[in-house]
All heavy atoms as atom14 arrays in JSON, in Angstrom:
{
  "sequence": "FVRGKVKSLGADCEEKPMTAADADILATLLDRAGHKEVKPAEFKLYGS",
  "atom14_mask": [
    [1, 1, 1, 1, 1, 1, 1, 1, 1, 1, 1, 0, 0, 0],
    [1, 1, 1, 1, 1, 1, 1, 0, 0, 0, 0, 0, 0, 0],
    [1, 1, 1, 1, 1, 1, 1, 1, 1, 1, 1, 0, 0, 0],
    [1, 1, 1, 1, 0, 0, 0, 0, 0, 0, 0, 0, 0, 0],
    [1, 1, 1, 1, 1, 1, 1, 1, 1, 0, 0, 0, 0, 0],
    [1, 1, 1, 1, 1, 1, 1, 0, 0, 0, 0, 0, 0, 0],
    [1, 1, 1, 1, 1, 1, 1, 1, 1, 0, 0, 0, 0, 0],
    [1, 1, 1, 1, 1, 1, 0, 0, 0, 0, 0, 0, 0, 0],
    [1, 1, 1, 1, 1, 1, 1, 1, 0, 0, 0, 0, 0, 0],
    [1, 1, 1, 1, 0, 0, 0, 0, 0, 0, 0, 0, 0, 0],
    [1, 1, 1, 1, 1, 0, 0, 0, 0, 0, 0, 0, 0, 0],
    [1, 1, 1, 1, 1, 1, 1, 1, 0, 0, 0, 0, 0, 0],
    [1, 1, 1, 1, 1, 1, 0, 0, 0, 0, 0, 0, 0, 0],
    [1, 1, 1, 1, 1, 1, 1, 1, 1, 0, 0, 0, 0, 0],
    [1, 1, 1, 1, 1, 1, 1, 1, 1, 0, 0, 0, 0, 0],
    [1, 1, 1, 1, 1, 1, 1, 1, 1, 0, 0, 0, 0, 0],
    [1, 1, 1, 1, 1, 1, 1, 0, 0, 0, 0, 0, 0, 0],
    [1, 1, 1, 1, 1, 1, 1, 1, 0, 0, 0, 0, 0, 0],
    [1, 1, 1, 1, 1, 1, 1, 0, 0, 0, 0, 0, 0, 0],
    [1, 1, 1, 1, 1, 0, 0, 0, 0, 0, 0, 0, 0, 0],
    [1, 1, 1, 1, 1, 0, 0, 0, 0, 0, 0, 0, 0, 0],
    [1, 1, 1, 1, 1, 1, 1, 1, 0, 0, 0, 0, 0, 0],
    [1, 1, 1, 1, 1, 0, 0, 0, 0, 0, 0, 0, 0, 0],
    [1, 1, 1, 1, 1, 1, 1, 1, 0, 0, 0, 0, 0, 0],
    [1, 1, 1, 1, 1, 1, 1, 1, 0, 0, 0, 0, 0, 0],
    [1, 1, 1, 1, 1, 1, 1, 1, 0, 0, 0, 0, 0, 0],
    [1, 1, 1, 1, 1, 0, 0, 0, 0, 0, 0, 0, 0, 0],
    [1, 1, 1, 1, 1, 1, 1, 0, 0, 0, 0, 0, 0, 0],
    [1, 1, 1, 1, 1, 1, 1, 1, 0, 0, 0, 0, 0, 0],
    [1, 1, 1, 1, 1, 1, 1, 1, 0, 0, 0, 0, 0, 0],
    [1, 1, 1, 1, 1, 1, 1, 1, 0, 0, 0, 0, 0, 0],
    [1, 1, 1, 1, 1, 1, 1, 1, 1, 1, 1, 0, 0, 0],
    [1, 1, 1, 1, 1, 0, 0, 0, 0, 0, 0, 0, 0, 0],
    [1, 1, 1, 1, 0, 0, 0, 0, 0, 0, 0, 0, 0, 0],
    [1, 1, 1, 1, 1, 1, 1, 1, 1, 1, 0, 0, 0, 0],
    [1, 1, 1, 1, 1, 1, 1, 1, 1, 0, 0, 0, 0, 0],
    [1, 1, 1, 1, 1, 1, 1, 1, 1, 0, 0, 0, 0, 0],
    [1, 1, 1, 1, 1, 1, 1, 0, 0, 0, 0, 0, 0, 0],
    [1, 1, 1, 1, 1, 1, 1, 1, 1, 0, 0, 0, 0, 0],
    [1, 1, 1, 1, 1, 1, 1, 0, 0, 0, 0, 0, 0, 0],
    [1, 1, 1, 1, 1, 0, 0, 0, 0, 0, 0, 0, 0, 0],
    [1, 1, 1, 1, 1, 1, 1, 1, 1, 0, 0, 0, 0, 0],
    [1, 1, 1, 1, 1, 1, 1, 1, 1, 1, 1, 0, 0, 0],
    [1, 1, 1, 1, 1, 1, 1, 1, 1, 0, 0, 0, 0, 0],
    [1, 1, 1, 1, 1, 1, 1, 1, 0, 0, 0, 0, 0, 0],
    [1, 1, 1, 1, 1, 1, 1, 1, 1, 1, 1, 1, 0, 0],
    [1, 1, 1, 1, 0, 0, 0, 0, 0, 0, 0, 0, 0, 0],
    [1, 1, 1, 1, 1, 1, 0, 0, 0, 0, 0, 0, 0, 0]
  ],
  "atom14_positions": [
    [[39.46, -39.57, -16.57], [38.79, -38.29, -16.72], [37.95, -38.05, -15.47], [37.11, -38.88, -15.14], [37.86, -38.31, -17.94], [38.54, -38.56, -19.27], [38.59, -39.87, -19.79], [39.1, -37.51, -19.98], [39.18, -40.1, -21.0], [39.71, -37.76, -21.2], [39.77, -39.06, -21.74], [0.0, 0.0, 0.0], [0.0, 0.0, 0.0], [0.0, 0.0, 0.0]],
    [[38.14, -36.96, -14.81], [37.34, -36.63, -13.56], [36.71, -35.3, -13.71], [37.39, -34.3, -13.97], [38.27, -36.71, -12.3], [37.41, -36.43, -11.06], [38.96, -38.07, -12.2], [0.0, 0.0, 0.0], [0.0, 0.0, 0.0], [0.0, 0.0, 0.0], [0.0, 0.0, 0.0], [0.0, 0.0, 0.0], [0.0, 0.0, 0.0], [0.0, 0.0, 0.0]],
    [[35.41, -35.25, -13.48], [34.68, -33.99, -13.55], [34.74, -33.19, -12.27], [34.7, -31.98, -12.26], [33.23, -34.32, -13.94], [32.38, -33.08, -14.27], [30.95, -33.58, -14.44], [30.03, -32.52, -14.91], [28.72, -32.65, -14.9], [28.15, -33.72, -14.42], [27.98, -31.67, -15.36], [0.0, 0.0, 0.0], [0.0, 0.0, 0.0], [0.0, 0.0, 0.0]],
    [[34.79, -33.88, -11.14], [34.75, -33.26, -9.81], [36.11, -33.06, -9.22], [37.12, -32.91, -9.97], [0.0, 0.0, 0.0], [0.0, 0.0, 0.0], [0.0, 0.0, 0.0], [0.0, 0.0, 0.0], [0.0, 0.0, 0.0], [0.0, 0.0, 0.0], [0.0, 0.0, 0.0], [0.0, 0.0, 0.0], [0.0, 0.0, 0.0], [0.0, 0.0, 0.0]],
    [[36.16, -33.1, -7.91], [37.42, -32.9, -7.16], [38.15, -34.24, -6.98], [37.52, -35.26, -6.83], [37.09, -32.27, -5.83], [36.47, -30.86, -5.9], [36.17, -30.35, -4.52], [35.55, -28.93, -4.62], [35.2, -28.41, -3.26], [0.0, 0.0, 0.0], [0.0, 0.0, 0.0], [0.0, 0.0, 0.0], [0.0, 0.0, 0.0], [0.0, 0.0, 0.0]],
    [[39.47, -34.13, -6.95], [40.32, -35.3, -6.65], [41.0, -35.05, -5.28], [41.71, -34.04, -5.12], [41.39, -35.46, -7.75], [42.33, -36.63, -7.39], [40.71, -35.77, -9.1], [0.0, 0.0, 0.0], [0.0, 0.0, 0.0], [0.0, 0.0, 0.0], [0.0, 0.0, 0.0], [0.0, 0.0, 0.0], [0.0, 0.0, 0.0], [0.0, 0.0, 0.0]],
    [[40.78, -35.95, -4.36], [41.36, -35.74, -3.03], [42.87, -35.76, -3.04], [43.54, -34.92, -2.45], [40.81, -36.82, -2.04], [41.13, -36.5, -0.6], [40.29, -37.32, 0.35], [40.54, -36.92, 1.79], [39.77, -37.72, 2.75], [0.0, 0.0, 0.0], [0.0, 0.0, 0.0], [0.0, 0.0, 0.0], [0.0, 0.0, 0.0], [0.0, 0.0, 0.0]],
    [[43.43, -36.74, -3.78], [44.89, -36.73, -4.0], [45.23, -37.68, -5.12], [44.46, -38.6, -5.44], [45.64, -37.18, -2.69], [45.37, -38.53, -2.39], [0.0, 0.0, 0.0], [0.0, 0.0, 0.0], [0.0, 0.0, 0.0], [0.0, 0.0, 0.0], [0.0, 0.0, 0.0], [0.0, 0.0, 0.0], [0.0, 0.0, 0.0], [0.0, 0.0, 0.0]],
    [[46.37, -37.44, -5.74], [46.88, -38.29, -6.79], [47.87, -39.3, -6.25], [48.64, -38.99, -5.36], [47.51, -37.46, -7.92], [46.63, -36.45, -8.65], [47.47, -35.61, -9.63], [45.47, -37.17, -9.37], [0.0, 0.0, 0.0], [0.0, 0.0, 0.0], [0.0, 0.0, 0.0], [0.0, 0.0, 0.0], [0.0, 0.0, 0.0], [0.0, 0.0, 0.0]],
    [[47.84, -40.51, -6.83], [48.77, -41.52, -6.42], [50.14, -41.32, -7.07], [50.37, -40.4, -7.86], [0.0, 0.0, 0.0], [0.0, 0.0, 0.0], [0.0, 0.0, 0.0], [0.0, 0.0, 0.0], [0.0, 0.0, 0.0], [0.0, 0.0, 0.0], [0.0, 0.0, 0.0], [0.0, 0.0, 0.0], [0.0, 0.0, 0.0], [0.0, 0.0, 0.0]],
    [[51.07, -42.23, -6.74], [52.4, -42.15, -7.25], [52.38, -42.25, -8.77], [51.73, -43.08, -9.36], [53.22, -43.31, -6.69], [0.0, 0.0, 0.0], [0.0, 0.0, 0.0], [0.0, 0.0, 0.0], [0.0, 0.0, 0.0], [0.0, 0.0, 0.0], [0.0, 0.0, 0.0], [0.0, 0.0, 0.0], [0.0, 0.0, 0.0], [0.0, 0.0, 0.0]],
    [[53.11, -41.32, -9.39], [53.29, -41.25, -10.86], [52.07, -40.82, -11.63], [52.07, -40.85, -12.87], [53.8, -42.6, -11.41], [54.63, -42.41, -12.64], [55.46, -41.5, -12.72], [54.44, -43.2, -13.61], [0.0, 0.0, 0.0], [0.0, 0.0, 0.0], [0.0, 0.0, 0.0], [0.0, 0.0, 0.0], [0.0, 0.0, 0.0], [0.0, 0.0, 0.0]],
    [[51.04, -40.39, -10.97], [49.84, -39.87, -11.63], [49.88, -38.36, -11.68], [50.22, -37.74, -10.66], [48.58, -40.33, -10.93], [47.05, -39.84, -11.81], [0.0, 0.0, 0.0], [0.0, 0.0, 0.0], [0.0, 0.0, 0.0], [0.0, 0.0, 0.0], [0.0, 0.0, 0.0], [0.0, 0.0, 0.0], [0.0, 0.0, 0.0], [0.0, 0.0, 0.0]],
    [[49.59, -37.77, -12.79], [49.64, -36.33, -12.96], [48.5, -35.85, -13.84], [47.99, -36.63, -14.68], [51.0, -35.9, -13.49], [51.26, -36.35, -14.92], [52.59, -35.87, -15.46], [53.39, -35.3, -14.68], [52.85, -36.06, -16.69], [0.0, 0.0, 0.0], [0.0, 0.0, 0.0], [0.0, 0.0, 0.0], [0.0, 0.0, 0.0], [0.0, 0.0, 0.0]],
    [[48.14, -34.54, -13.75], [47.19, -33.98, -14.65], [47.85, -33.81, -16.03], [49.04, -33.45, -16.14], [46.67, -32.67, -14.14], [45.56, -32.09, -15.03], [44.98, -30.78, -14.48], [45.25, -30.43, -13.31], [44.28, -30.12, -15.24], [0.0, 0.0, 0.0], [0.0, 0.0, 0.0], [0.0, 0.0, 0.0], [0.0, 0.0, 0.0], [0.0, 0.0, 0.0]],
    [[47.11, -34.1, -17.09], [47.6, -34.01, -18.47], [46.75, -33.03, -19.24], [45.57, -32.82, -18.99], [47.46, -35.38, -19.14], [48.24, -36.52, -18.5], [49.68, -36.52, -19.03], [50.41, -37.79, -18.58], [51.77, -37.87, -19.13], [0.0, 0.0, 0.0], [0.0, 0.0, 0.0], [0.0, 0.0, 0.0], [0.0, 0.0, 0.0], [0.0, 0.0, 0.0]],
    [[47.37, -32.36, -20.25], [46.56, -31.54, -21.14], [45.66, -32.43, -22.0], [46.06, -33.52, -22.44], [47.61, -30.86, -22.05], [48.83, -31.72, -21.98], [48.81, -32.34, -20.59], [0.0, 0.0, 0.0], [0.0, 0.0, 0.0], [0.0, 0.0, 0.0], [0.0, 0.0, 0.0], [0.0, 0.0, 0.0], [0.0, 0.0, 0.0], [0.0, 0.0, 0.0]],
    [[44.39, -32.04, -22.16], [43.46, -32.82, -22.92], [43.49, -32.44, -24.38], [43.19, -31.3, -24.73], [42.01, -32.69, -22.34], [41.07, -33.73, -22.97], [39.34, -33.66, -22.4], [39.53, -33.69, -20.61], [0.0, 0.0, 0.0], [0.0, 0.0, 0.0], [0.0, 0.0, 0.0], [0.0, 0.0, 0.0], [0.0, 0.0, 0.0], [0.0, 0.0, 0.0]],
    [[43.87, -33.39, -25.25], [43.92, -33.14, -26.65], [42.52, -33.27, -27.28], [41.61, -33.78, -26.65], [44.9, -34.11, -27.34], [44.33, -35.46, -27.25], [46.22, -34.06, -26.69], [0.0, 0.0, 0.0], [0.0, 0.0, 0.0], [0.0, 0.0, 0.0], [0.0, 0.0, 0.0], [0.0, 0.0, 0.0], [0.0, 0.0, 0.0], [0.0, 0.0, 0.0]],
    [[42.4, -32.91, -28.53], [41.14, -33.08, -29.24], [40.77, -34.58, -29.31], [39.61, -34.94, -29.22], [41.23, -32.49, -30.66], [0.0, 0.0, 0.0], [0.0, 0.0, 0.0], [0.0, 0.0, 0.0], [0.0, 0.0, 0.0], [0.0, 0.0, 0.0], [0.0, 0.0, 0.0], [0.0, 0.0, 0.0], [0.0, 0.0, 0.0], [0.0, 0.0, 0.0]],
    [[41.78, -35.45, -29.54], [41.52, -36.88, -29.55], [41.0, -37.4, -28.25], [40.07, -38.22, -28.16], [42.78, -37.6, -29.96], [0.0, 0.0, 0.0], [0.0, 0.0, 0.0], [0.0, 0.0, 0.0], [0.0, 0.0, 0.0], [0.0, 0.0, 0.0], [0.0, 0.0, 0.0], [0.0, 0.0, 0.0], [0.0, 0.0, 0.0], [0.0, 0.0, 0.0]],
    [[41.57, -36.91, -27.1], [41.11, -37.29, -25.8], [39.69, -36.85, -25.61], [38.85, -37.6, -25.08], [41.97, -36.65, -24.69], [43.42, -37.12, -24.72], [43.64, -38.31, -25.0], [44.29, -36.31, -24.42], [0.0, 0.0, 0.0], [0.0, 0.0, 0.0], [0.0, 0.0, 0.0], [0.0, 0.0, 0.0], [0.0, 0.0, 0.0], [0.0, 0.0, 0.0]],
    [[39.36, -35.64, -25.99], [38.0, -35.12, -25.85], [37.0, -35.88, -26.67], [35.87, -36.13, -26.22], [37.98, -33.62, -26.24], [0.0, 0.0, 0.0], [0.0, 0.0, 0.0], [0.0, 0.0, 0.0], [0.0, 0.0, 0.0], [0.0, 0.0, 0.0], [0.0, 0.0, 0.0], [0.0, 0.0, 0.0], [0.0, 0.0, 0.0], [0.0, 0.0, 0.0]],
    [[37.38, -36.37, -27.82], [36.53, -37.17, -28.65], [36.23, -38.54, -28.02], [35.09, -38.98, -28.03], [37.17, -37.39, -30.06], [37.11, -36.14, -30.93], [36.36, -35.23, -30.59], [37.84, -36.12, -31.93], [0.0, 0.0, 0.0], [0.0, 0.0, 0.0], [0.0, 0.0, 0.0], [0.0, 0.0, 0.0], [0.0, 0.0, 0.0], [0.0, 0.0, 0.0]],
    [[37.25, -39.12, -27.42], [37.05, -40.37, -26.72], [36.08, -40.21, -25.55], [35.16, -40.98, -25.35], [38.43, -40.91, -26.2], [39.26, -41.41, -27.43], [38.21, -42.05, -25.2], [40.71, -41.69, -27.01], [0.0, 0.0, 0.0], [0.0, 0.0, 0.0], [0.0, 0.0, 0.0], [0.0, 0.0, 0.0], [0.0, 0.0, 0.0], [0.0, 0.0, 0.0]],
    [[36.31, -39.1, -24.81], [35.44, -38.85, -23.68], [34.0, -38.6, -24.12], [33.06, -39.08, -23.47], [35.99, -37.64, -22.88], [35.14, -37.12, -21.72], [34.91, -38.22, -20.71], [35.91, -35.94, -21.04], [0.0, 0.0, 0.0], [0.0, 0.0, 0.0], [0.0, 0.0, 0.0], [0.0, 0.0, 0.0], [0.0, 0.0, 0.0], [0.0, 0.0, 0.0]],
    [[33.82, -37.78, -25.12], [32.47, -37.48, -25.6], [31.73, -38.74, -26.06], [30.54, -38.95, -25.77], [32.53, -36.49, -26.78], [0.0, 0.0, 0.0], [0.0, 0.0, 0.0], [0.0, 0.0, 0.0], [0.0, 0.0, 0.0], [0.0, 0.0, 0.0], [0.0, 0.0, 0.0], [0.0, 0.0, 0.0], [0.0, 0.0, 0.0], [0.0, 0.0, 0.0]],
    [[32.47, -39.64, -26.72], [31.82, -40.93, -27.15], [31.38, -41.77, -25.95], [30.31, -42.34, -25.95], [32.84, -41.7, -28.03], [33.11, -40.93, -29.18], [32.24, -43.02, -28.43], [0.0, 0.0, 0.0], [0.0, 0.0, 0.0], [0.0, 0.0, 0.0], [0.0, 0.0, 0.0], [0.0, 0.0, 0.0], [0.0, 0.0, 0.0], [0.0, 0.0, 0.0]],
    [[32.26, -41.84, -24.93], [31.92, -42.63, -23.74], [30.76, -42.03, -22.98], [29.88, -42.76, -22.51], [33.15, -42.78, -22.87], [34.28, -43.66, -23.41], [35.49, -43.61, -22.52], [33.79, -45.1, -23.56], [0.0, 0.0, 0.0], [0.0, 0.0, 0.0], [0.0, 0.0, 0.0], [0.0, 0.0, 0.0], [0.0, 0.0, 0.0], [0.0, 0.0, 0.0]],
    [[30.76, -40.7, -22.82], [29.62, -40.04, -22.17], [28.32, -40.34, -22.92], [27.24, -40.6, -22.29], [29.87, -38.53, -22.09], [30.98, -38.11, -21.15], [31.3, -36.64, -21.32], [30.57, -38.36, -19.66], [0.0, 0.0, 0.0], [0.0, 0.0, 0.0], [0.0, 0.0, 0.0], [0.0, 0.0, 0.0], [0.0, 0.0, 0.0], [0.0, 0.0, 0.0]],
    [[28.34, -40.28, -24.22], [27.15, -40.6, -25.05], [26.68, -42.02, -24.82], [25.48, -42.28, -24.61], [27.49, -40.32, -26.51], [26.26, -40.4, -27.42], [25.12, -40.41, -26.89], [26.4, -40.41, -28.64], [0.0, 0.0, 0.0], [0.0, 0.0, 0.0], [0.0, 0.0, 0.0], [0.0, 0.0, 0.0], [0.0, 0.0, 0.0], [0.0, 0.0, 0.0]],
    [[27.6, -42.96, -24.88], [27.26, -44.37, -24.73], [26.71, -44.67, -23.35], [25.89, -45.58, -23.18], [28.5, -45.25, -24.99], [28.95, -45.26, -26.44], [30.19, -46.13, -26.6], [29.86, -47.55, -26.33], [30.76, -48.48, -26.11], [32.06, -48.15, -26.1], [30.43, -49.73, -25.89], [0.0, 0.0, 0.0], [0.0, 0.0, 0.0], [0.0, 0.0, 0.0]],
    [[27.16, -43.92, -22.35], [26.73, -44.17, -20.97], [25.51, -43.37, -20.59], [25.05, -43.41, -19.43], [27.89, -43.82, -20.01], [0.0, 0.0, 0.0], [0.0, 0.0, 0.0], [0.0, 0.0, 0.0], [0.0, 0.0, 0.0], [0.0, 0.0, 0.0], [0.0, 0.0, 0.0], [0.0, 0.0, 0.0], [0.0, 0.0, 0.0], [0.0, 0.0, 0.0]],
    [[24.93, -42.63, -21.54], [23.72, -41.91, -21.25], [23.9, -40.53, -20.66], [22.99, -39.94, -20.06], [0.0, 0.0, 0.0], [0.0, 0.0, 0.0], [0.0, 0.0, 0.0], [0.0, 0.0, 0.0], [0.0, 0.0, 0.0], [0.0, 0.0, 0.0], [0.0, 0.0, 0.0], [0.0, 0.0, 0.0], [0.0, 0.0, 0.0], [0.0, 0.0, 0.0]],
    [[25.11, -39.98, -20.85], [25.41, -38.62, -20.3], [25.81, -37.68, -21.46], [26.74, -36.88, -21.35], [26.57, -38.71, -19.32], [26.27, -39.58, -18.12], [25.38, -39.24, -17.16], [26.81, -40.79, -17.79], [25.36, -40.2, -16.23], [26.2, -41.14, -16.58], [0.0, 0.0, 0.0], [0.0, 0.0, 0.0], [0.0, 0.0, 0.0], [0.0, 0.0, 0.0]],
    [[25.03, -37.73, -22.53], [25.37, -36.95, -23.74], [25.38, -35.48, -23.45], [26.09, -34.67, -24.06], [24.38, -37.28, -24.84], [24.73, -36.65, -26.17], [23.77, -37.09, -27.28], [24.18, -36.52, -28.64], [23.27, -36.99, -29.69], [0.0, 0.0, 0.0], [0.0, 0.0, 0.0], [0.0, 0.0, 0.0], [0.0, 0.0, 0.0], [0.0, 0.0, 0.0]],
    [[24.59, -35.02, -22.45], [24.48, -33.59, -22.17], [25.7, -33.04, -21.46], [25.91, -31.77, -21.4], [23.23, -33.29, -21.32], [23.36, -33.72, -19.85], [23.3, -35.19, -19.59], [23.07, -35.98, -20.53], [23.54, -35.62, -18.43], [0.0, 0.0, 0.0], [0.0, 0.0, 0.0], [0.0, 0.0, 0.0], [0.0, 0.0, 0.0], [0.0, 0.0, 0.0]],
    [[26.54, -33.88, -20.87], [27.74, -33.46, -20.16], [28.88, -33.18, -21.15], [29.11, -33.94, -22.06], [28.18, -34.53, -19.16], [29.4, -34.07, -18.38], [27.02, -34.89, -18.21], [0.0, 0.0, 0.0], [0.0, 0.0, 0.0], [0.0, 0.0, 0.0], [0.0, 0.0, 0.0], [0.0, 0.0, 0.0], [0.0, 0.0, 0.0], [0.0, 0.0, 0.0]],
    [[29.55, -32.08, -20.97], [30.59, -31.6, -21.87], [31.97, -32.07, -21.47], [32.34, -31.95, -20.29], [30.56, -30.09, -22.0], [29.17, -29.49, -22.4], [28.69, -30.05, -23.69], [27.33, -29.45, -24.04], [26.74, -30.05, -25.3], [0.0, 0.0, 0.0], [0.0, 0.0, 0.0], [0.0, 0.0, 0.0], [0.0, 0.0, 0.0], [0.0, 0.0, 0.0]],
    [[32.77, -32.55, -22.4], [34.15, -32.94, -22.09], [34.96, -31.83, -21.46], [35.86, -32.1, -20.64], [34.73, -33.35, -23.46], [33.53, -33.82, -24.23], [32.43, -32.89, -23.8], [0.0, 0.0, 0.0], [0.0, 0.0, 0.0], [0.0, 0.0, 0.0], [0.0, 0.0, 0.0], [0.0, 0.0, 0.0], [0.0, 0.0, 0.0], [0.0, 0.0, 0.0]],
    [[34.67, -30.58, -21.77], [35.43, -29.47, -21.25], [35.27, -29.32, -19.71], [36.05, -28.64, -19.04], [34.98, -28.18, -21.87], [0.0, 0.0, 0.0], [0.0, 0.0, 0.0], [0.0, 0.0, 0.0], [0.0, 0.0, 0.0], [0.0, 0.0, 0.0], [0.0, 0.0, 0.0], [0.0, 0.0, 0.0], [0.0, 0.0, 0.0], [0.0, 0.0, 0.0]],
    [[34.26, -30.01, -19.12], [34.05, -29.97, -17.69], [35.0, -30.9, -16.93], [35.02, -30.9, -15.73], [32.6, -30.32, -17.36], [31.61, -29.36, -18.0], [30.13, -29.84, -17.79], [29.92, -30.67, -16.87], [29.27, -29.36, -18.55], [0.0, 0.0, 0.0], [0.0, 0.0, 0.0], [0.0, 0.0, 0.0], [0.0, 0.0, 0.0], [0.0, 0.0, 0.0]],
    [[35.81, -31.71, -17.64], [36.63, -32.73, -17.02], [38.09, -32.33, -17.08], [38.53, -31.55, -17.89], [36.47, -34.07, -17.75], [35.16, -34.72, -17.55], [34.04, -34.26, -18.26], [35.0, -35.84, -16.73], [32.83, -34.89, -18.09], [33.8, -36.44, -16.55], [32.68, -35.97, -17.24], [0.0, 0.0, 0.0], [0.0, 0.0, 0.0], [0.0, 0.0, 0.0]],
    [[38.87, -32.95, -16.15], [40.32, -32.89, -16.2], [40.8, -34.33, -16.52], [40.19, -35.31, -16.16], [40.9, -32.44, -14.88], [40.63, -30.94, -14.6], [41.3, -30.55, -13.28], [41.1, -29.03, -13.01], [41.69, -28.62, -11.74], [0.0, 0.0, 0.0], [0.0, 0.0, 0.0], [0.0, 0.0, 0.0], [0.0, 0.0, 0.0], [0.0, 0.0, 0.0]],
    [[41.93, -34.4, -17.23], [42.48, -35.66, -17.63], [43.68, -35.94, -16.79], [44.57, -35.09, -16.58], [42.85, -35.6, -19.12], [43.7, -36.77, -19.67], [42.92, -38.07, -19.54], [44.13, -36.5, -21.07], [0.0, 0.0, 0.0], [0.0, 0.0, 0.0], [0.0, 0.0, 0.0], [0.0, 0.0, 0.0], [0.0, 0.0, 0.0], [0.0, 0.0, 0.0]],
    [[43.82, -37.2, -16.33], [44.98, -37.61, -15.52], [45.6, -38.84, -16.18], [44.91, -39.7, -16.75], [44.54, -37.96, -14.1], [43.95, -36.75, -13.37], [42.55, -36.54, -13.41], [44.75, -35.83, -12.71], [41.99, -35.45, -12.8], [44.22, -34.73, -12.08], [42.81, -34.55, -12.13], [42.23, -33.45, -11.52], [0.0, 0.0, 0.0], [0.0, 0.0, 0.0]],
    [[46.91, -38.92, -16.11], [47.63, -40.04, -16.73], [49.0, -40.22, -16.08], [49.29, -39.6, -15.06], [0.0, 0.0, 0.0], [0.0, 0.0, 0.0], [0.0, 0.0, 0.0], [0.0, 0.0, 0.0], [0.0, 0.0, 0.0], [0.0, 0.0, 0.0], [0.0, 0.0, 0.0], [0.0, 0.0, 0.0], [0.0, 0.0, 0.0], [0.0, 0.0, 0.0]],
    [[49.77, -41.08, -16.71], [51.08, -41.45, -16.1], [52.16, -40.45, -16.42], [52.28, -39.97, -17.53], [51.5, -42.85, -16.63], [52.78, -43.13, -16.19], [0.0, 0.0, 0.0], [0.0, 0.0, 0.0], [0.0, 0.0, 0.0], [0.0, 0.0, 0.0], [0.0, 0.0, 0.0], [0.0, 0.0, 0.0], [0.0, 0.0, 0.0], [0.0, 0.0, 0.0]]
  ]
}
C-alpha cells in the first residue's frame, strides 16, 4: 500500500483494485502504527 508517488514498478508488479477486505487490513495496520487519522482511501494497492 503506497500513499505517495511510485517512481516505477518492478517486474510483475501492478496496481490492484482495493477491496473492502484490503481496506480493513490497511486501516488496522495504520491504527496499530499510530496513524489512525490517515484514511485507506488515500492509498493505492500494488500486488503480483
